[in-house]
Amino acid sequence: MEGATLEEPGDVDSPVKEPKNSAPTRKYADGGYGWVILASCFVITGVTASFVRSFGIFFLDVQKYFDTIAFKVSWISAITVAVFHFGSPLASALNFKLQLRVITIIGGIFSMLGLLLGSFAFSLTWMYFTTGALVGLGNGFAWISSVNLVNQYFTDRRPLANALASSGDSIFVFILTPFYQWLIDIMSWRQAMMIISAIHLNICVCGALMRPYRSQKKSQNSAPLSATHSTKGLCRKSLVQEKISGYLTLLKQPQFICLILFGFFSVIGLFIPVVYLIPHAQNIGIEDFKGALLMSYWSAADLVGRLGCGWLANLRLLKSIRLTIIMMAILSILLLLIPLAKNYTSLIIFSCVCGFFLGTIMALIVTLISDVVGVEKLSSALGLIMLFRGVGCLLGPPLAGLLVDWTGVYSTAFFLAGGGMLIATFFLILTDYFTTYGQNSSQSTGNEKGNSNSQVRPQEEAEKGELGSDTRGDPAVELLNAVPE
């Protein structure tokens, strides 16, 4: 869509063209109140990630409290992350009925209640539903809504805004993981969860600041209210149909199937170290507080990796997917070697190096998905990949728990993590092959069509040109594009 008469993508109040005599209002895009939205998203990202990524410091305490095996305890974090992935699309669907501000506040309340109720620790099943499902659902609601609003407020500076918002993950984990361990040391893990639940109430505060986005212009001669609602209803119905058609189209592409399998196996390798790194350190005799610091080192290196690889990717020296393959292969080998670390110094080195390469991969994932499926199909592709990543999150930690229970040492969990990453790397290589093969085939087909079209009569070319111009100017297509996802 082009032209100054069209609305910004984030506006839902007036999806039709503005009259020329509309009065300009305050500019929100790429600045102004958008920085408040960005700061709120930064805090929400950090708070929601801090407990999930530092759950390892609670692992052994929960296991001893219930006197159970690692397999059963690992389901708590697995359910949290899986429901987070499943809840994000649900939050996007609720946006048709509720404001993003309301969804974010609901998410904050769910997250707080999940931690508070889970601290009573009546049973492991109770913690599955509270600390697992309820916290995961709340985190998913809050995160997806805040990220959505950031992308509405920022256009030209959108890459910078997303990078700053996502950095809250690493920074908050770096700061809060030692703090959580300190709370456990001076009180107990259950009392620490009560205090952490109060910290999660800050999500509601940030949600209250989530002012809905408004376009830069307000129409003086607005359309009738009934006509506006009718137009919105038709556009949203068409949008749902387009989404379903987009999903079916993607699932017919071999490169996207390989991309889904990449997401499934990679999340096993990415999430297992978060759960088992600290228990592994404590199991070999490292002090609890020093073990918690390992995740801080990991998060600091993660942040450096994200920023550094983002700068490297912008140089376009290598395709994003091939750069990711290199980083994945290195990280796979490093994860397989972590069990060799038998002292605190070696664990610090592995934590920093693995965190760095994990950060590089996280910085490249969205870019490589858009390179494979195209920007116009990115939203549908992310939805499907999030779904299968949720399944991987649900299976990864429990499978690692089975290995730990079978062998009696936590280091064996990293063999599953490294193996999953190697399998994911293989499917990413296949994705690159099918993508390259498809581009070469389309280029050769285009050349053949170009040669055949050169022999078409001028009259037929003129007729086709008229039909093409009519399609491009279809107002229904413009109205559909104006409705936010």
Protein backbone atom coordinates (compact mmCIF):
# COMPACT_ATOMS: atom_id res chain seq x y z
CA MET A 1 0.00 0.00 0.00
CA GLU A 2 1.25 3.41 -0.80
CA GLY A 3 0.27 6.99 -0.67
CA ALA A 4 -0.30 9.40 2.19
CA THR A 5 -4.05 8.74 2.16
CA LEU A 6 -3.73 5.27 3.68
CA GLU A 7 -3.79 4.59 7.40
CA GLU A 8 -0.89 3.34 9.43
CA PRO A 9 -1.02 -0.46 9.92
CA GLY A 10 -1.66 -0.17 13.62
CA ASP A 11 -4.85 1.91 13.33
CA VAL A 12 -8.18 0.18 13.59
CA ASP A 13 -10.43 3.20 13.97
CA SER A 14 -10.61 4.25 10.32
CA PRO A 15 -9.59 1.60 7.84
CA VAL A 16 -10.77 3.70 4.92
CA LYS A 17 -8.93 6.49 3.11
CA GLU A 18 -8.71 9.85 4.80
CA PRO A 19 -10.10 12.97 3.12
CA LYS A 20 -7.59 15.51 1.98
CA ASN A 21 -8.85 18.15 4.43
CA SER A 22 -8.18 15.99 7.52
CA ALA A 23 -6.44 17.80 10.35
CA PRO A 24 -3.01 16.57 11.44
CA THR A 25 -2.56 15.50 15.06
CA ARG A 26 0.38 14.52 17.20
CA LYS A 27 2.83 12.16 15.48
CA TYR A 28 3.26 8.96 17.49
CA ALA A 29 5.17 6.78 15.01
CA ASP A 30 8.90 6.22 15.62
CA GLY A 31 9.07 8.36 18.73
CA GLY A 32 6.97 10.32 21.18
CA TYR A 33 4.87 8.03 23.33
CA GLY A 34 6.32 5.10 21.40
CA TRP A 35 9.36 5.22 23.70
CA VAL A 36 7.09 4.64 26.71
CA ILE A 37 5.61 1.63 24.92
CA LEU A 38 9.12 0.39 24.15
CA ALA A 39 10.23 0.78 27.79
CA SER A 40 7.13 -1.12 28.95
CA CYS A 41 7.81 -3.94 26.48
CA PHE A 42 11.44 -4.04 27.68
CA VAL A 43 10.28 -4.58 31.28
CA ILE A 44 7.60 -7.12 30.32
CA THR A 45 10.08 -9.13 28.25
CA GLY A 46 12.58 -9.14 31.11
CA VAL A 47 10.13 -10.02 33.87
CA THR A 48 8.43 -12.83 31.95
CA ALA A 49 11.76 -14.36 30.92
CA SER A 50 13.58 -14.00 34.25
CA PHE A 51 11.67 -16.68 36.19
CA VAL A 52 11.50 -19.15 33.29
CA ARG A 53 15.20 -18.93 32.48
CA SER A 54 16.25 -19.05 36.12
CA PHE A 55 14.00 -21.95 37.12
CA GLY A 56 17.13 -24.07 37.44
CA ILE A 57 17.88 -22.50 40.84
CA PHE A 58 14.54 -23.87 42.11
CA PHE A 59 14.96 -27.29 40.51
CA LEU A 60 16.83 -29.19 43.23
CA ASP A 61 14.85 -27.53 46.04
CA VAL A 62 11.54 -28.54 44.44
CA GLN A 63 12.88 -32.06 43.82
CA LYS A 64 13.94 -32.46 47.45
CA TYR A 65 10.70 -30.93 48.79
CA PHE A 66 8.52 -33.45 46.94
CA ASP A 67 11.12 -36.24 47.19
CA THR A 68 10.65 -37.11 43.54
CA ILE A 69 12.63 -37.70 40.36
CA ALA A 70 13.95 -35.07 37.93
CA PHE A 71 11.58 -36.25 35.20
CA LYS A 72 8.51 -35.11 37.17
CA VAL A 73 10.00 -31.78 38.25
CA SER A 74 11.07 -30.92 34.70
CA TRP A 75 7.43 -30.90 33.59
CA ILE A 76 6.87 -27.62 35.48
CA SER A 77 9.21 -25.57 33.27
CA ALA A 78 8.24 -27.56 30.17
CA ILE A 79 4.55 -26.75 30.63
CA THR A 80 5.36 -23.08 31.31
CA VAL A 81 7.23 -22.61 28.04
CA ALA A 82 4.86 -24.79 26.00
CA VAL A 83 1.76 -22.91 27.17
CA PHE A 84 3.62 -19.65 26.50
CA HIS A 85 4.01 -20.70 22.85
CA PHE A 86 0.42 -21.92 22.60
CA GLY A 87 -0.97 -18.86 24.37
CA SER A 88 0.68 -16.31 22.09
CA PRO A 89 -1.59 -17.07 19.07
CA LEU A 90 -4.59 -17.02 21.44
CA ALA A 91 -3.61 -13.54 22.59
CA SER A 92 -3.40 -12.43 18.95
CA ALA A 93 -6.92 -13.76 18.36
CA LEU A 94 -8.27 -11.94 21.44
CA ASN A 95 -7.05 -8.68 19.91
CA PHE A 96 -10.16 -8.75 17.71
CA LYS A 97 -12.30 -8.25 20.84
CA LEU A 98 -10.03 -6.64 23.45
CA GLN A 99 -7.44 -3.89 23.46
CA LEU A 100 -3.80 -4.90 23.74
CA ARG A 101 -3.65 -2.96 27.02
CA VAL A 102 -6.39 -5.16 28.52
CA ILE A 103 -4.77 -8.39 27.28
CA THR A 104 -1.44 -7.35 28.80
CA ILE A 105 -3.01 -6.61 32.20
CA ILE A 106 -4.87 -9.94 32.14
CA GLY A 107 -1.57 -11.64 31.37
CA GLY A 108 0.11 -9.94 34.32
CA ILE A 109 -2.67 -11.05 36.67
CA PHE A 110 -2.45 -14.66 35.41
CA SER A 111 1.32 -14.69 35.81
CA MET A 112 1.17 -13.29 39.35
CA LEU A 113 -1.55 -15.72 40.42
CA GLY A 114 0.32 -18.67 38.94
CA LEU A 115 3.43 -17.94 41.00
CA LEU A 116 1.53 -17.03 44.17
CA LEU A 117 -0.69 -20.13 44.10
CA GLY A 118 2.24 -22.32 43.07
CA SER A 119 4.19 -21.20 46.15
CA PHE A 120 1.72 -23.11 48.35
CA ALA A 121 3.11 -26.30 46.72
CA PHE A 122 0.22 -28.62 47.61
CA SER A 123 1.49 -31.16 45.06
CA LEU A 124 3.43 -31.39 41.82
CA THR A 125 0.16 -31.58 39.88
CA TRP A 126 -0.88 -28.34 41.56
CA MET A 127 2.38 -26.72 40.38
CA TYR A 128 1.82 -28.03 36.85
CA PHE A 129 -1.44 -26.05 36.65
CA THR A 130 -0.25 -22.93 38.51
CA THR A 131 3.49 -22.37 38.07
CA GLY A 132 3.28 -24.20 34.75
CA ALA A 133 0.12 -23.49 32.79
CA LEU A 134 -1.11 -20.28 34.45
CA VAL A 135 2.29 -18.55 34.41
CA GLY A 136 2.90 -19.64 30.81
CA LEU A 137 -0.48 -18.36 29.66
CA GLY A 138 0.00 -15.02 31.44
CA ASN A 139 3.50 -14.57 30.03
CA GLY A 140 2.25 -15.34 26.52
CA PHE A 141 -0.61 -12.83 26.78
CA ALA A 142 1.63 -10.06 28.11
CA TRP A 143 4.59 -10.62 25.78
CA ILE A 144 2.78 -10.96 22.45
CA SER A 145 0.57 -7.92 23.18
CA SER A 146 3.50 -5.67 24.11
CA VAL A 147 5.55 -6.73 21.09
CA ASN A 148 2.55 -6.18 18.82
CA LEU A 149 2.09 -2.63 20.11
CA VAL A 150 5.80 -1.81 19.71
CA ASN A 151 5.57 -2.79 16.05
CA GLN A 152 2.55 -0.54 15.63
CA TYR A 153 4.30 2.51 17.10
CA PHE A 154 7.58 2.03 15.20
CA THR A 155 8.04 1.77 11.44
CA ASP A 156 11.35 3.26 10.29
CA ARG A 157 13.04 2.38 13.59
CA ARG A 158 11.30 -0.97 13.99
CA PRO A 159 14.47 -3.16 13.88
CA LEU A 160 16.08 -0.98 16.56
CA ALA A 161 12.92 -1.02 18.66
CA ASN A 162 12.61 -4.81 18.52
CA ALA A 163 16.28 -5.25 19.37
CA LEU A 164 15.98 -2.97 22.42
CA ALA A 165 12.78 -4.66 23.58
CA SER A 166 14.24 -8.17 23.27
CA SER A 167 17.36 -7.14 25.18
CA GLY A 168 15.21 -7.00 28.33
CA ASP A 169 15.38 -10.80 28.31
CA SER A 170 19.15 -10.96 28.78
CA ILE A 171 19.50 -7.93 31.06
CA PHE A 172 16.79 -8.96 33.53
CA VAL A 173 18.02 -12.56 33.69
CA PHE A 174 21.55 -11.26 34.34
CA ILE A 175 20.32 -9.13 37.26
CA LEU A 176 17.47 -11.17 38.74
CA THR A 177 18.92 -14.69 38.75
CA PRO A 178 21.43 -13.94 41.57
CA PHE A 179 18.68 -11.98 43.35
CA TYR A 180 16.33 -14.97 43.22
CA GLN A 181 19.08 -17.22 44.59
CA TRP A 182 19.68 -14.73 47.41
CA LEU A 183 15.97 -14.83 48.27
CA ILE A 184 16.10 -18.63 48.45
CA ASP A 185 19.19 -18.52 50.67
CA ILE A 186 17.73 -16.11 53.24
CA MET A 187 14.17 -17.54 53.20
CA SER A 188 12.99 -20.57 51.24
CA TRP A 189 12.08 -21.33 47.66
CA ARG A 190 8.35 -21.04 48.43
CA GLN A 191 8.71 -17.62 50.05
CA ALA A 192 10.94 -16.52 47.19
CA MET A 193 8.16 -17.41 44.73
CA MET A 194 5.73 -15.22 46.69
CA ILE A 195 8.06 -12.22 46.31
CA ILE A 196 8.62 -13.02 42.62
CA SER A 197 4.84 -13.07 42.12
CA ALA A 198 4.74 -9.50 43.44
CA ILE A 199 7.48 -8.54 40.97
CA HIS A 200 5.31 -9.95 38.16
CA LEU A 201 2.58 -7.46 39.10
CA ASN A 202 4.76 -4.87 37.36
CA ILE A 203 3.48 -6.40 34.13
CA CYS A 204 0.08 -4.90 34.98
CA VAL A 205 1.70 -1.49 35.58
CA CYS A 206 3.39 -1.67 32.18
CA GLY A 207 0.13 -2.83 30.64
CA ALA A 208 -1.66 0.24 31.99
CA LEU A 209 0.84 2.37 30.04
CA MET A 210 0.01 0.56 26.77
CA ARG A 211 -1.92 3.39 25.14
CA PRO A 212 -3.65 2.13 21.95
CA TYR A 213 -2.02 3.35 18.77
CA ARG A 214 -3.74 6.10 16.80
CA SER A 215 -2.95 7.26 13.30
CA GLN A 216 -1.29 10.60 12.56
CA LYS A 217 -4.51 12.08 11.18
CA LYS A 218 -8.06 12.35 12.41
CA SER A 219 -10.79 12.48 9.83
CA GLN A 220 -13.10 15.48 10.02
CA ASN A 221 -15.75 13.87 7.81
CA SER A 222 -15.90 10.32 9.21
CA ALA A 223 -18.08 7.61 7.74
CA PRO A 224 -21.30 6.50 9.50
CA LEU A 225 -20.66 4.24 12.49
CA SER A 226 -22.75 1.34 11.16
CA ALA A 227 -20.94 1.43 7.82
CA THR A 228 -17.56 1.46 9.59
CA HIS A 229 -18.42 -1.59 11.74
CA SER A 230 -19.77 -3.41 8.69
CA THR A 231 -16.57 -2.72 6.77
CA LYS A 232 -14.42 -3.91 9.69
CA GLY A 233 -16.43 -7.12 9.99
CA LEU A 234 -16.04 -7.92 6.30
CA CYS A 235 -12.32 -7.16 6.40
CA ARG A 236 -11.73 -9.35 9.46
CA LYS A 237 -13.67 -12.24 7.91
CA SER A 238 -11.59 -11.92 4.76
CA LEU A 239 -8.44 -11.74 6.90
CA VAL A 240 -9.28 -15.05 8.62
CA GLN A 241 -9.85 -16.70 5.25
CA GLU A 242 -6.56 -15.30 3.98
CA LYS A 243 -4.75 -16.61 7.08
CA ILE A 244 -6.09 -20.15 6.57
CA SER A 245 -5.15 -20.05 2.90
CA GLY A 246 -1.67 -18.82 3.86
CA TYR A 247 -1.20 -21.72 6.31
CA LEU A 248 -2.18 -24.29 3.68
CA THR A 249 0.14 -22.74 1.11
CA LEU A 250 3.09 -22.82 3.50
CA LEU A 251 2.50 -26.46 4.47
CA LYS A 252 2.83 -27.47 0.81
CA GLN A 253 6.39 -26.10 0.61
CA PRO A 254 9.18 -28.60 1.44
CA GLN A 255 11.49 -25.84 2.67
CA PHE A 256 8.89 -24.73 5.21
CA ILE A 257 8.32 -28.30 6.44
CA CYS A 258 12.08 -28.53 7.04
CA LEU A 259 11.92 -25.15 8.80
CA ILE A 260 9.21 -26.46 11.15
CA LEU A 261 11.34 -29.52 11.98
CA PHE A 262 14.29 -27.19 12.55
CA GLY A 263 12.22 -25.21 15.05
CA PHE A 264 11.02 -28.37 16.80
CA PHE A 265 14.47 -29.91 17.35
CA SER A 266 16.32 -26.64 17.97
CA VAL A 267 14.09 -25.63 20.87
CA ILE A 268 15.01 -28.90 22.59
CA GLY A 269 18.65 -27.89 22.48
CA LEU A 270 18.01 -24.26 23.32
CA PHE A 271 15.83 -24.82 26.38
CA ILE A 272 17.44 -27.81 28.13
CA PRO A 273 20.60 -25.88 29.21
CA VAL A 274 18.41 -23.20 30.80
CA VAL A 275 16.82 -25.84 33.05
CA TYR A 276 19.80 -28.09 33.80
CA LEU A 277 22.90 -25.85 33.84
CA ILE A 278 22.49 -24.72 37.45
CA PRO A 279 21.47 -28.18 38.79
CA HIS A 280 24.52 -29.65 36.99
CA ALA A 281 26.79 -27.11 38.70
CA GLN A 282 25.24 -27.77 42.11
CA ASN A 283 25.48 -31.53 41.54
CA ILE A 284 29.28 -31.39 41.05
CA GLY A 285 29.78 -29.37 44.24
CA ILE A 286 29.51 -25.73 43.13
CA GLU A 287 27.98 -23.38 45.70
CA ASP A 288 24.36 -22.42 45.06
CA PHE A 289 25.04 -18.71 44.56
CA LYS A 290 27.98 -19.35 42.24
CA GLY A 291 25.82 -21.76 40.27
CA ALA A 292 23.17 -19.06 39.86
CA LEU A 293 25.83 -16.68 38.53
CA LEU A 294 26.43 -19.07 35.61
CA MET A 295 23.08 -18.09 34.15
CA SER A 296 24.04 -14.42 34.54
CA TYR A 297 27.24 -15.02 32.59
CA TRP A 298 25.22 -16.90 29.99
CA SER A 299 22.74 -14.02 29.64
CA ALA A 300 25.46 -11.36 29.36
CA ALA A 301 27.17 -13.31 26.57
CA ASP A 302 23.75 -13.87 24.96
CA LEU A 303 23.22 -10.10 24.75
CA VAL A 304 26.67 -9.56 23.21
CA GLY A 305 25.97 -12.31 20.68
CA ARG A 306 22.64 -10.82 19.66
CA LEU A 307 24.04 -7.34 19.12
CA GLY A 308 27.23 -8.55 17.43
CA CYS A 309 25.52 -10.96 15.07
CA GLY A 310 22.86 -8.39 14.22
CA TRP A 311 25.63 -6.05 13.10
CA LEU A 312 27.37 -8.86 11.18
CA ALA A 313 24.16 -9.91 9.44
CA ASN A 314 23.56 -6.33 8.26
CA LEU A 315 26.87 -6.47 6.37
CA ARG A 316 25.33 -9.12 4.09
CA LEU A 317 28.62 -11.01 3.81
CA LEU A 318 26.77 -14.32 4.03
CA LYS A 319 23.16 -15.43 3.72
CA SER A 320 21.38 -15.42 7.08
CA ILE A 321 20.42 -19.08 6.84
CA ARG A 322 24.01 -20.17 6.14
CA LEU A 323 25.35 -18.01 8.94
CA THR A 324 22.81 -19.65 11.24
CA ILE A 325 23.93 -23.11 10.11
CA ILE A 326 27.51 -22.29 11.12
CA MET A 327 26.44 -20.96 14.52
CA MET A 328 24.15 -23.95 15.12
CA ALA A 329 26.92 -26.44 14.33
CA ILE A 330 29.34 -24.73 16.73
CA LEU A 331 26.74 -24.52 19.52
CA SER A 332 25.86 -28.21 19.05
CA ILE A 333 29.47 -29.25 19.59
CA LEU A 334 29.83 -26.98 22.63
CA LEU A 335 26.70 -28.42 24.28
CA LEU A 336 28.03 -31.95 23.78
CA LEU A 337 31.29 -30.91 25.49
CA ILE A 338 29.73 -29.28 28.58
CA PRO A 339 29.81 -32.57 30.58
CA LEU A 340 33.62 -32.35 30.38
CA ALA A 341 33.52 -29.23 32.57
CA LYS A 342 34.32 -30.42 36.09
CA ASN A 343 35.20 -27.12 37.83
CA TYR A 344 33.73 -23.65 38.16
CA THR A 345 36.19 -21.92 35.81
CA SER A 346 35.47 -24.29 32.94
CA LEU A 347 31.72 -23.91 33.53
CA ILE A 348 32.06 -20.12 33.30
CA ILE A 349 33.91 -20.46 29.99
CA PHE A 350 31.30 -22.83 28.54
CA SER A 351 28.46 -20.62 29.81
CA CYS A 352 29.89 -17.52 28.15
CA VAL A 353 30.72 -19.22 24.84
CA CYS A 354 27.42 -21.11 24.62
CA GLY A 355 25.48 -17.99 25.60
CA PHE A 356 27.23 -15.99 22.88
CA PHE A 357 26.41 -18.47 20.11
CA LEU A 358 22.87 -18.87 21.39
CA GLY A 359 22.47 -15.09 21.13
CA THR A 360 23.69 -15.09 17.55
CA ILE A 361 21.12 -17.73 16.62
CA MET A 362 18.27 -15.85 18.31
CA ALA A 363 19.27 -12.68 16.44
CA LEU A 364 19.03 -14.48 13.08
CA ILE A 365 15.92 -16.66 13.42
CA VAL A 366 13.28 -14.12 12.33
CA THR A 367 15.48 -12.89 9.49
CA LEU A 368 16.09 -16.37 8.09
CA ILE A 369 12.37 -17.24 8.31
CA SER A 370 11.49 -14.11 6.32
CA ASP A 371 14.20 -15.00 3.78
CA VAL A 372 12.71 -18.47 3.32
CA VAL A 373 8.96 -17.73 3.19
CA GLY A 374 8.94 -14.02 2.30
CA VAL A 375 7.94 -11.03 4.38
CA GLU A 376 4.30 -11.24 3.29
CA LYS A 377 3.97 -14.74 4.81
CA LEU A 378 6.09 -14.10 7.89
CA SER A 379 3.16 -13.76 10.31
CA SER A 380 1.59 -17.07 9.25
CA ALA A 381 4.97 -18.81 9.28
CA LEU A 382 5.78 -17.60 12.80
CA GLY A 383 2.40 -18.80 14.05
CA LEU A 384 2.94 -22.34 12.78
CA ILE A 385 6.55 -22.49 13.93
CA MET A 386 5.55 -21.25 17.42
CA LEU A 387 3.02 -24.08 17.57
CA PHE A 388 5.59 -26.79 16.85
CA ARG A 389 8.20 -25.10 19.04
CA GLY A 390 5.68 -25.37 21.87
CA VAL A 391 5.52 -29.14 21.35
CA GLY A 392 9.33 -29.28 21.44
CA CYS A 393 9.39 -27.26 24.67
CA LEU A 394 6.89 -29.67 26.19
CA LEU A 395 8.98 -32.76 25.35
CA GLY A 396 12.59 -31.55 25.71
CA PRO A 397 13.07 -31.08 29.50
CA PRO A 398 11.12 -34.24 30.49
CA LEU A 399 13.18 -36.37 28.09
CA ALA A 400 16.33 -34.86 29.58
CA GLY A 401 14.90 -35.64 33.03
CA LEU A 402 14.56 -39.29 32.04
CA LEU A 403 18.24 -39.35 31.09
CA VAL A 404 19.20 -37.73 34.39
CA ASP A 405 17.15 -40.24 36.41
CA TRP A 406 18.57 -43.15 34.43
CA THR A 407 22.23 -42.11 34.73
CA GLY A 408 22.14 -40.28 38.06
CA VAL A 409 24.08 -37.23 36.75
CA TYR A 410 22.72 -33.98 35.33
CA SER A 411 25.44 -33.64 32.70
CA THR A 412 23.77 -36.25 30.46
CA ALA A 413 20.98 -33.77 29.73
CA PHE A 414 23.43 -31.82 27.58
CA PHE A 415 23.91 -34.82 25.28
CA LEU A 416 20.23 -34.62 24.38
CA ALA A 417 20.54 -30.84 23.92
CA GLY A 418 23.55 -31.15 21.60
CA GLY A 419 21.95 -34.01 19.67
CA GLY A 420 18.75 -32.04 19.14
CA MET A 421 20.75 -29.09 17.85
CA LEU A 422 22.66 -31.32 15.41
CA ILE A 423 19.40 -32.72 14.02
CA ALA A 424 18.05 -29.17 13.75
CA THR A 425 21.18 -28.14 11.85
CA PHE A 426 20.60 -30.97 9.37
CA PHE A 427 17.04 -29.79 8.67
CA LEU A 428 18.28 -26.21 8.30
CA ILE A 429 20.74 -27.41 5.65
CA LEU A 430 17.81 -29.08 3.85
CA THR A 431 15.86 -25.82 4.12
CA ASP A 432 18.71 -23.96 2.45
CA TYR A 433 18.87 -26.60 -0.29
CA PHE A 434 15.14 -26.50 -1.08
CA THR A 435 15.09 -22.69 -0.93
CA THR A 436 18.03 -22.37 -3.31
CA TYR A 437 16.61 -25.06 -5.61
CA GLY A 438 13.21 -23.32 -5.63
CA GLN A 439 14.75 -19.94 -6.47
CA ASN A 440 16.76 -21.45 -9.34
CA SER A 441 13.67 -23.22 -10.66
CA SER A 442 11.58 -20.04 -10.50
CA GLN A 443 14.31 -18.09 -12.31
CA SER A 444 14.49 -20.66 -15.10
CA THR A 445 10.70 -20.74 -15.34
CA GLY A 446 10.63 -16.95 -15.47
CA ASN A 447 13.11 -16.95 -18.32
CA GLU A 448 11.01 -19.46 -20.26
CA LYS A 449 7.87 -17.39 -19.69
CA GLY A 450 9.72 -14.29 -20.76
CA ASN A 451 10.71 -15.92 -24.05
CA SER A 452 7.16 -17.13 -24.70
CA ASN A 453 5.61 -13.77 -23.77
CA SER A 454 7.81 -12.02 -26.29
CA GLN A 455 5.87 -13.87 -29.03
CA VAL A 456 2.41 -12.84 -27.78
CA ARG A 457 0.46 -10.42 -29.95
CA PRO A 458 0.48 -6.76 -28.83
CA GLN A 459 -3.29 -6.77 -28.44
CA GLU A 460 -3.23 -9.65 -25.92
CA GLU A 461 -0.46 -7.90 -23.97
CA ALA A 462 -2.58 -4.77 -23.72
CA GLU A 463 -5.58 -6.77 -22.44
CA LYS A 464 -3.43 -8.45 -19.77
CA GLY A 465 -2.04 -5.09 -18.74
CA GLU A 466 -5.55 -3.73 -18.22
CA LEU A 467 -6.54 -6.73 -16.11
CA GLY A 468 -3.39 -6.36 -13.99
CA SER A 469 -4.03 -2.68 -13.34
CA ASP A 470 -7.60 -3.40 -12.28
CA THR A 471 -6.39 -5.99 -9.74
CA ARG A 472 -3.75 -3.72 -8.25
CA GLY A 473 -6.29 -0.97 -7.74
CA ASP A 474 -8.88 -3.16 -6.03
CA PRO A 475 -10.09 -1.19 -2.98
CA ALA A 476 -11.01 -4.42 -1.15
CA VAL A 477 -7.34 -5.42 -1.13
CA GLU A 478 -6.40 -2.02 0.31
CA LEU A 479 -9.04 -2.31 3.06
CA LEU A 480 -7.84 -5.81 3.93
CA ASN A 481 -4.26 -4.65 4.25
CA ALA A 482 -5.35 -1.81 6.51
CA VAL A 483 -6.71 -4.13 9.21
CA PRO A 484 -4.08 -4.98 11.84
CA GLU A 485 -3.20 -8.60 12.51
